[in-house]
Amino acid sequence: AEIESGYPAMAELFAAREAILTLGEQGLS
């Protein structure tokens, strides 16, 4: 919660993590 309130870019990355990993794995594979 502290990260989400004080570090928006990190919070955005955590929220999009699964989508980003899926996109990266699909493209590389």
PDB file of all heavy atoms in Angstrom:
ATOM      1  N   ALA A   1       0.829  -1.206   0.000  1.00  0.00           N
ATOM      2  CA  ALA A   1       0.000   0.000   0.000  1.00  0.00           C
ATOM      3  C   ALA A   1       0.864   1.257   0.000  1.00  0.00           C
ATOM      4  O   ALA A   1       0.545   2.244  -0.677  1.00  0.00           O
ATOM      5  CB  ALA A   1      -0.927  -0.007   1.214  1.00  0.00           C
ATOM      6  N   GLU A   2       1.973   1.221   0.731  1.00  0.00           N
ATOM      7  CA  GLU A   2       2.897   2.348   0.738  1.00  0.00           C
ATOM      8  C   GLU A   2       3.503   2.569  -0.652  1.00  0.00           C
ATOM      9  O   GLU A   2       3.652   3.711  -1.110  1.00  0.00           O
ATOM     10  CB  GLU A   2       4.014   2.102   1.761  1.00  0.00           C
ATOM     11  CG  GLU A   2       3.579   2.150   3.211  1.00  0.00           C
ATOM     12  CD  GLU A   2       3.264   3.568   3.666  1.00  0.00           C
ATOM     13  OE1 GLU A   2       3.808   4.532   3.085  1.00  0.00           O
ATOM     14  OE2 GLU A   2       2.450   3.711   4.606  1.00  0.00           O
ATOM     15  N   ILE A   3       3.861   1.492  -1.312  1.00  0.00           N
ATOM     16  CA  ILE A   3       4.424   1.601  -2.671  1.00  0.00           C
ATOM     17  C   ILE A   3       3.384   2.174  -3.624  1.00  0.00           C
ATOM     18  O   ILE A   3       3.679   3.054  -4.438  1.00  0.00           O
ATOM     19  CB  ILE A   3       4.913   0.226  -3.150  1.00  0.00           C
ATOM     20  CG1 ILE A   3       6.134  -0.211  -2.335  1.00  0.00           C
ATOM     21  CG2 ILE A   3       5.267   0.274  -4.643  1.00  0.00           C
ATOM     22  CD1 ILE A   3       6.608  -1.614  -2.647  1.00  0.00           C
ATOM     23  N   GLU A   4       2.154   1.693  -3.510  1.00  0.00           N
ATOM     24  CA  GLU A   4       1.098   2.156  -4.414  1.00  0.00           C
ATOM     25  C   GLU A   4       0.815   3.644  -4.239  1.00  0.00           C
ATOM     26  O   GLU A   4       0.503   4.341  -5.211  1.00  0.00           O
ATOM     27  CB  GLU A   4      -0.173   1.340  -4.173  1.00  0.00           C
ATOM     28  CG  GLU A   4      -0.060  -0.103  -4.661  1.00  0.00           C
ATOM     29  CD  GLU A   4      -1.290  -0.926  -4.320  1.00  0.00           C
ATOM     30  OE1 GLU A   4      -2.151  -0.412  -3.556  1.00  0.00           O
ATOM     31  OE2 GLU A   4      -1.388  -2.072  -4.798  1.00  0.00           O
ATOM     32  N   SER A   5       0.936   4.139  -3.013  1.00  0.00           N
ATOM     33  CA  SER A   5       0.635   5.554  -2.781  1.00  0.00           C
ATOM     34  C   SER A   5       1.816   6.470  -3.075  1.00  0.00           C
ATOM     35  O   SER A   5       1.627   7.623  -3.464  1.00  0.00           O
ATOM     36  CB  SER A   5       0.202   5.752  -1.318  1.00  0.00           C
ATOM     37  OG  SER A   5       1.266   5.410  -0.425  1.00  0.00           O
ATOM     38  N   GLY A   6       3.034   5.952  -2.902  1.00  0.00           N
ATOM     39  CA  GLY A   6       4.205   6.813  -3.059  1.00  0.00           C
ATOM     40  C   GLY A   6       5.013   6.607  -4.311  1.00  0.00           C
ATOM     41  O   GLY A   6       5.815   7.478  -4.689  1.00  0.00           O
ATOM     42  N   TYR A   7       4.803   5.488  -4.989  1.00  0.00           N
ATOM     43  CA  TYR A   7       5.622   5.159  -6.165  1.00  0.00           C
ATOM     44  C   TYR A   7       4.695   4.654  -7.283  1.00  0.00           C
ATOM     45  O   TYR A   7       4.542   3.448  -7.502  1.00  0.00           O
ATOM     46  CB  TYR A   7       6.675   4.107  -5.805  1.00  0.00           C
ATOM     47  CG  TYR A   7       7.571   4.545  -4.669  1.00  0.00           C
ATOM     48  CD1 TYR A   7       7.271   4.201  -3.347  1.00  0.00           C
ATOM     49  CD2 TYR A   7       8.687   5.336  -4.915  1.00  0.00           C
ATOM     50  CE1 TYR A   7       8.073   4.627  -2.296  1.00  0.00           C
ATOM     51  CE2 TYR A   7       9.502   5.761  -3.872  1.00  0.00           C
ATOM     52  CZ  TYR A   7       9.181   5.406  -2.566  1.00  0.00           C
ATOM     53  OH  TYR A   7       9.977   5.836  -1.528  1.00  0.00           O
ATOM     54  N   PRO A   8       4.057   5.585  -7.988  1.00  0.00           N
ATOM     55  CA  PRO A   8       3.023   5.212  -8.977  1.00  0.00           C
ATOM     56  C   PRO A   8       3.539   4.374 -10.133  1.00  0.00           C
ATOM     57  O   PRO A   8       2.811   3.512 -10.641  1.00  0.00           O
ATOM     58  CB  PRO A   8       2.504   6.571  -9.464  1.00  0.00           C
ATOM     59  CG  PRO A   8       3.602   7.548  -9.137  1.00  0.00           C
ATOM     60  CD  PRO A   8       4.226   7.037  -7.887  1.00  0.00           C
ATOM     61  N   ALA A   9       4.767   4.630 -10.577  1.00  0.00           N
ATOM     62  CA  ALA A   9       5.281   3.853 -11.710  1.00  0.00           C
ATOM     63  C   ALA A   9       5.477   2.396 -11.318  1.00  0.00           C
ATOM     64  O   ALA A   9       5.153   1.477 -12.090  1.00  0.00           O
ATOM     65  CB  ALA A   9       6.599   4.447 -12.203  1.00  0.00           C
ATOM     66  N   MET A  10       6.011   2.144 -10.128  1.00  0.00           N
ATOM     67  CA  MET A  10       6.162   0.773  -9.653  1.00  0.00           C
ATOM     68  C   MET A  10       4.798   0.119  -9.469  1.00  0.00           C
ATOM     69  O   MET A  10       4.604  -1.060  -9.821  1.00  0.00           O
ATOM     70  CB  MET A  10       6.938   0.754  -8.336  1.00  0.00           C
ATOM     71  CG  MET A  10       8.408   1.108  -8.483  1.00  0.00           C
ATOM     72  SD  MET A  10       9.275   1.180  -6.877  1.00  0.00           S
ATOM     73  CE  MET A  10       9.004  -0.485  -6.254  1.00  0.00           C
ATOM     74  N   ALA A  11       3.846   0.862  -8.933  1.00  0.00           N
ATOM     75  CA  ALA A  11       2.506   0.325  -8.738  1.00  0.00           C
ATOM     76  C   ALA A  11       1.875  -0.058 -10.073  1.00  0.00           C
ATOM     77  O   ALA A  11       1.221  -1.104 -10.198  1.00  0.00           O
ATOM     78  CB  ALA A  11       1.633   1.352  -8.013  1.00  0.00           C
ATOM     79  N   GLU A  12       2.068   0.790 -11.070  1.00  0.00           N
ATOM     80  CA  GLU A  12       1.512   0.488 -12.403  1.00  0.00           C
ATOM     81  C   GLU A  12       2.137  -0.770 -12.978  1.00  0.00           C
ATOM     82  O   GLU A  12       1.456  -1.595 -13.596  1.00  0.00           O
ATOM     83  CB  GLU A  12       1.749   1.673 -13.335  1.00  0.00           C
ATOM     84  CG  GLU A  12       1.139   1.487 -14.717  1.00  0.00           C
ATOM     85  CD  GLU A  12       1.357   2.677 -15.632  1.00  0.00           C
ATOM     86  OE1 GLU A  12       1.939   3.689 -15.178  1.00  0.00           O
ATOM     87  OE2 GLU A  12       0.967   2.597 -16.806  1.00  0.00           O
ATOM     88  N   LEU A  13       3.449  -0.933 -12.764  1.00  0.00           N
ATOM     89  CA  LEU A  13       4.122  -2.131 -13.271  1.00  0.00           C
ATOM     90  C   LEU A  13       3.607  -3.383 -12.576  1.00  0.00           C
ATOM     91  O   LEU A  13       3.353  -4.401 -13.224  1.00  0.00           O
ATOM     92  CB  LEU A  13       5.630  -2.006 -13.070  1.00  0.00           C
ATOM     93  CG  LEU A  13       6.467  -3.202 -13.575  1.00  0.00           C
ATOM     94  CD1 LEU A  13       6.313  -3.358 -15.080  1.00  0.00           C
ATOM     95  CD2 LEU A  13       7.928  -3.027 -13.203  1.00  0.00           C
ATOM     96  N   PHE A  14       3.435  -3.317 -11.246  1.00  0.00           N
ATOM     97  CA  PHE A  14       2.914  -4.481 -10.525  1.00  0.00           C
ATOM     98  C   PHE A  14       1.517  -4.847 -11.025  1.00  0.00           C
ATOM     99  O   PHE A  14       1.191  -6.023 -11.187  1.00  0.00           O
ATOM    100  CB  PHE A  14       2.859  -4.193  -9.022  1.00  0.00           C
ATOM    101  CG  PHE A  14       4.212  -4.119  -8.370  1.00  0.00           C
ATOM    102  CD1 PHE A  14       4.380  -3.412  -7.182  1.00  0.00           C
ATOM    103  CD2 PHE A  14       5.321  -4.721  -8.946  1.00  0.00           C
ATOM    104  CE1 PHE A  14       5.627  -3.327  -6.575  1.00  0.00           C
ATOM    105  CE2 PHE A  14       6.571  -4.635  -8.350  1.00  0.00           C
ATOM    106  CZ  PHE A  14       6.725  -3.943  -7.168  1.00  0.00           C
ATOM    107  N   ALA A  15       0.692  -3.840 -11.285  1.00  0.00           N
ATOM    108  CA  ALA A  15      -0.676  -4.093 -11.748  1.00  0.00           C
ATOM    109  C   ALA A  15      -0.695  -4.735 -13.134  1.00  0.00           C
ATOM    110  O   ALA A  15      -1.574  -5.550 -13.436  1.00  0.00           O
ATOM    111  CB  ALA A  15      -1.472  -2.793 -11.758  1.00  0.00           C
ATOM    112  N   ALA A  16       0.278  -4.370 -13.965  1.00  0.00           N
ATOM    113  CA  ALA A  16       0.316  -4.880 -15.348  1.00  0.00           C
ATOM    114  C   ALA A  16       1.254  -6.071 -15.504  1.00  0.00           C
ATOM    115  O   ALA A  16       1.485  -6.526 -16.631  1.00  0.00           O
ATOM    116  CB  ALA A  16       0.740  -3.760 -16.295  1.00  0.00           C
ATOM    117  N   ARG A  17       1.793  -6.569 -14.384  1.00  0.00           N
ATOM    118  CA  ARG A  17       2.834  -7.594 -14.449  1.00  0.00           C
ATOM    119  C   ARG A  17       2.426  -8.823 -15.271  1.00  0.00           C
ATOM    120  O   ARG A  17       3.150  -9.240 -16.172  1.00  0.00           O
ATOM    121  CB  ARG A  17       3.216  -8.044 -13.031  1.00  0.00           C
ATOM    122  CG  ARG A  17       4.262  -9.150 -12.996  1.00  0.00           C
ATOM    123  CD  ARG A  17       4.523  -9.603 -11.583  1.00  0.00           C
ATOM    124  NE  ARG A  17       3.277 -10.070 -10.955  1.00  0.00           N
ATOM    125  CZ  ARG A  17       3.163 -10.332  -9.661  1.00  0.00           C
ATOM    126  NH1 ARG A  17       4.191 -10.147  -8.853  1.00  0.00           N
ATOM    127  NH2 ARG A  17       2.007 -10.764  -9.169  1.00  0.00           N
ATOM    128  N   GLU A  18       1.289  -9.411 -14.961  1.00  0.00           N
ATOM    129  CA  GLU A  18       0.894 -10.643 -15.644  1.00  0.00           C
ATOM    130  C   GLU A  18       0.699 -10.408 -17.141  1.00  0.00           C
ATOM    131  O   GLU A  18       1.109 -11.232 -17.967  1.00  0.00           O
ATOM    132  CB  GLU A  18      -0.394 -11.200 -15.026  1.00  0.00           C
ATOM    133  CG  GLU A  18      -0.227 -11.692 -13.593  1.00  0.00           C
ATOM    134  CD  GLU A  18       0.862 -12.744 -13.466  1.00  0.00           C
ATOM    135  OE1 GLU A  18       0.999 -13.570 -14.381  1.00  0.00           O
ATOM    136  OE2 GLU A  18       1.584 -12.735 -12.453  1.00  0.00           O
ATOM    137  N   ALA A  19       0.087  -9.281 -17.495  1.00  0.00           N
ATOM    138  CA  ALA A  19      -0.125  -8.979 -18.913  1.00  0.00           C
ATOM    139  C   ALA A  19       1.202  -8.781 -19.632  1.00  0.00           C
ATOM    140  O   ALA A  19       1.389  -9.252 -20.766  1.00  0.00           O
ATOM    141  CB  ALA A  19      -1.000  -7.737 -19.063  1.00  0.00           C
ATOM    142  N   ILE A  20       2.145  -8.111 -18.971  1.00  0.00           N
ATOM    143  CA  ILE A  20       3.448  -7.855 -19.587  1.00  0.00           C
ATOM    144  C   ILE A  20       4.227  -9.153 -19.762  1.00  0.00           C
ATOM    145  O   ILE A  20       4.815  -9.413 -20.821  1.00  0.00           O
ATOM    146  CB  ILE A  20       4.248  -6.837 -18.750  1.00  0.00           C
ATOM    147  CG1 ILE A  20       3.623  -5.451 -18.878  1.00  0.00           C
ATOM    148  CG2 ILE A  20       5.707  -6.792 -19.204  1.00  0.00           C
ATOM    149  CD1 ILE A  20       4.254  -4.406 -17.979  1.00  0.00           C
ATOM    150  N   LEU A  21       4.223 -10.002 -18.728  1.00  0.00           N
ATOM    151  CA  LEU A  21       4.939 -11.282 -18.820  1.00  0.00           C
ATOM    152  C   LEU A  21       4.313 -12.179 -19.892  1.00  0.00           C
ATOM    153  O   LEU A  21       5.028 -12.842 -20.642  1.00  0.00           O
ATOM    154  CB  LEU A  21       4.928 -11.993 -17.469  1.00  0.00           C
ATOM    155  CG  LEU A  21       5.835 -11.397 -16.395  1.00  0.00           C
ATOM    156  CD1 LEU A  21       5.648 -12.124 -15.070  1.00  0.00           C
ATOM    157  CD2 LEU A  21       7.307 -11.443 -16.826  1.00  0.00           C
ATOM    158  N   THR A  22       3.001 -12.180 -19.962  1.00  0.00           N
ATOM    159  CA  THR A  22       2.325 -12.997 -20.984  1.00  0.00           C
ATOM    160  C   THR A  22       2.662 -12.505 -22.381  1.00  0.00           C
ATOM    161  O   THR A  22       2.979 -13.298 -23.277  1.00  0.00           O
ATOM    162  CB  THR A  22       0.804 -12.962 -20.773  1.00  0.00           C
ATOM    163  OG1 THR A  22       0.494 -13.517 -19.493  1.00  0.00           O
ATOM    164  CG2 THR A  22       0.093 -13.771 -21.850  1.00  0.00           C
ATOM    165  N   LEU A  23       2.611 -11.190 -22.578  1.00  0.00           N
ATOM    166  CA  LEU A  23       2.937 -10.607 -23.884  1.00  0.00           C
ATOM    167  C   LEU A  23       4.381 -10.918 -24.266  1.00  0.00           C
ATOM    168  O   LEU A  23       4.667 -11.303 -25.402  1.00  0.00           O
ATOM    169  CB  LEU A  23       2.712  -9.103 -23.840  1.00  0.00           C
ATOM    170  CG  LEU A  23       2.950  -8.315 -25.144  1.00  0.00           C
ATOM    171  CD1 LEU A  23       1.947  -8.738 -26.208  1.00  0.00           C
ATOM    172  CD2 LEU A  23       2.839  -6.811 -24.887  1.00  0.00           C
ATOM    173  N   GLY A  24       5.301 -10.764 -23.315  1.00  0.00           N
ATOM    174  CA  GLY A  24       6.707 -11.026 -23.601  1.00  0.00           C
ATOM    175  C   GLY A  24       6.978 -12.484 -23.908  1.00  0.00           C
ATOM    176  O   GLY A  24       7.723 -12.806 -24.843  1.00  0.00           O
ATOM    177  N   GLU A  25       6.365 -13.387 -23.141  1.00  0.00           N
ATOM    178  CA  GLU A  25       6.579 -14.820 -23.360  1.00  0.00           C
ATOM    179  C   GLU A  25       5.999 -15.271 -24.692  1.00  0.00           C
ATOM    180  O   GLU A  25       6.617 -16.043 -25.429  1.00  0.00           O
ATOM    181  CB  GLU A  25       5.956 -15.626 -22.221  1.00  0.00           C
ATOM    182  CG  GLU A  25       6.049 -17.137 -22.397  1.00  0.00           C
ATOM    183  CD  GLU A  25       7.475 -17.645 -22.479  1.00  0.00           C
ATOM    184  OE1 GLU A  25       8.347 -17.178 -21.724  1.00  0.00           O
ATOM    185  OE2 GLU A  25       7.735 -18.522 -23.331  1.00  0.00           O
ATOM    186  N   GLN A  26       4.821 -14.784 -25.027  1.00  0.00           N
ATOM    187  CA  GLN A  26       4.200 -15.163 -26.295  1.00  0.00           C
ATOM    188  C   GLN A  26       5.044 -14.706 -27.485  1.00  0.00           C
ATOM    189  O   GLN A  26       5.279 -15.476 -28.422  1.00  0.00           O
ATOM    190  CB  GLN A  26       2.794 -14.562 -26.396  1.00  0.00           C
ATOM    191  CG  GLN A  26       1.776 -15.228 -25.496  1.00  0.00           C
ATOM    192  CD  GLN A  26       0.422 -14.542 -25.545  1.00  0.00           C
ATOM    193  OE1 GLN A  26       0.285 -13.404 -26.003  1.00  0.00           O
ATOM    194  NE2 GLN A  26      -0.606 -15.225 -25.066  1.00  0.00           N
ATOM    195  N   GLY A  27       5.523 -13.456 -27.436  1.00  0.00           N
ATOM    196  CA  GLY A  27       6.330 -12.946 -28.539  1.00  0.00           C
ATOM    197  C   GLY A  27       7.641 -13.680 -28.679  1.00  0.00           C
ATOM    198  O   GLY A  27       8.040 -14.065 -29.791  1.00  0.00           O
ATOM    199  N   LEU A  28       8.320 -13.929 -27.557  1.00  0.00           N
ATOM    200  CA  LEU A  28       9.611 -14.617 -27.605  1.00  0.00           C
ATOM    201  C   LEU A  28       9.455 -16.072 -28.034  1.00  0.00           C
ATOM    202  O   LEU A  28      10.231 -16.569 -28.856  1.00  0.00           O
ATOM    203  CB  LEU A  28      10.283 -14.533 -26.231  1.00  0.00           C
ATOM    204  CG  LEU A  28      11.606 -15.294 -26.068  1.00  0.00           C
ATOM    205  CD1 LEU A  28      12.619 -14.903 -27.125  1.00  0.00           C
ATOM    206  CD2 LEU A  28      12.165 -15.067 -24.667  1.00  0.00           C
ATOM    207  N   SER A  29       8.468 -16.759 -27.495  1.00  0.00           N
ATOM    208  CA  SER A  29       8.246 -18.168 -27.856  1.00  0.00           C
ATOM    209  C   SER A  29       7.947 -18.303 -29.348  1.00  0.00           C
ATOM    210  O   SER A  29       8.396 -19.258 -29.999  1.00  0.00           O
ATOM    211  CB  SER A  29       7.099 -18.758 -27.036  1.00  0.00           C
ATOM    212  OG  SER A  29       7.431 -18.794 -25.669  1.00  0.00           O
TER     213      SER A  29
END
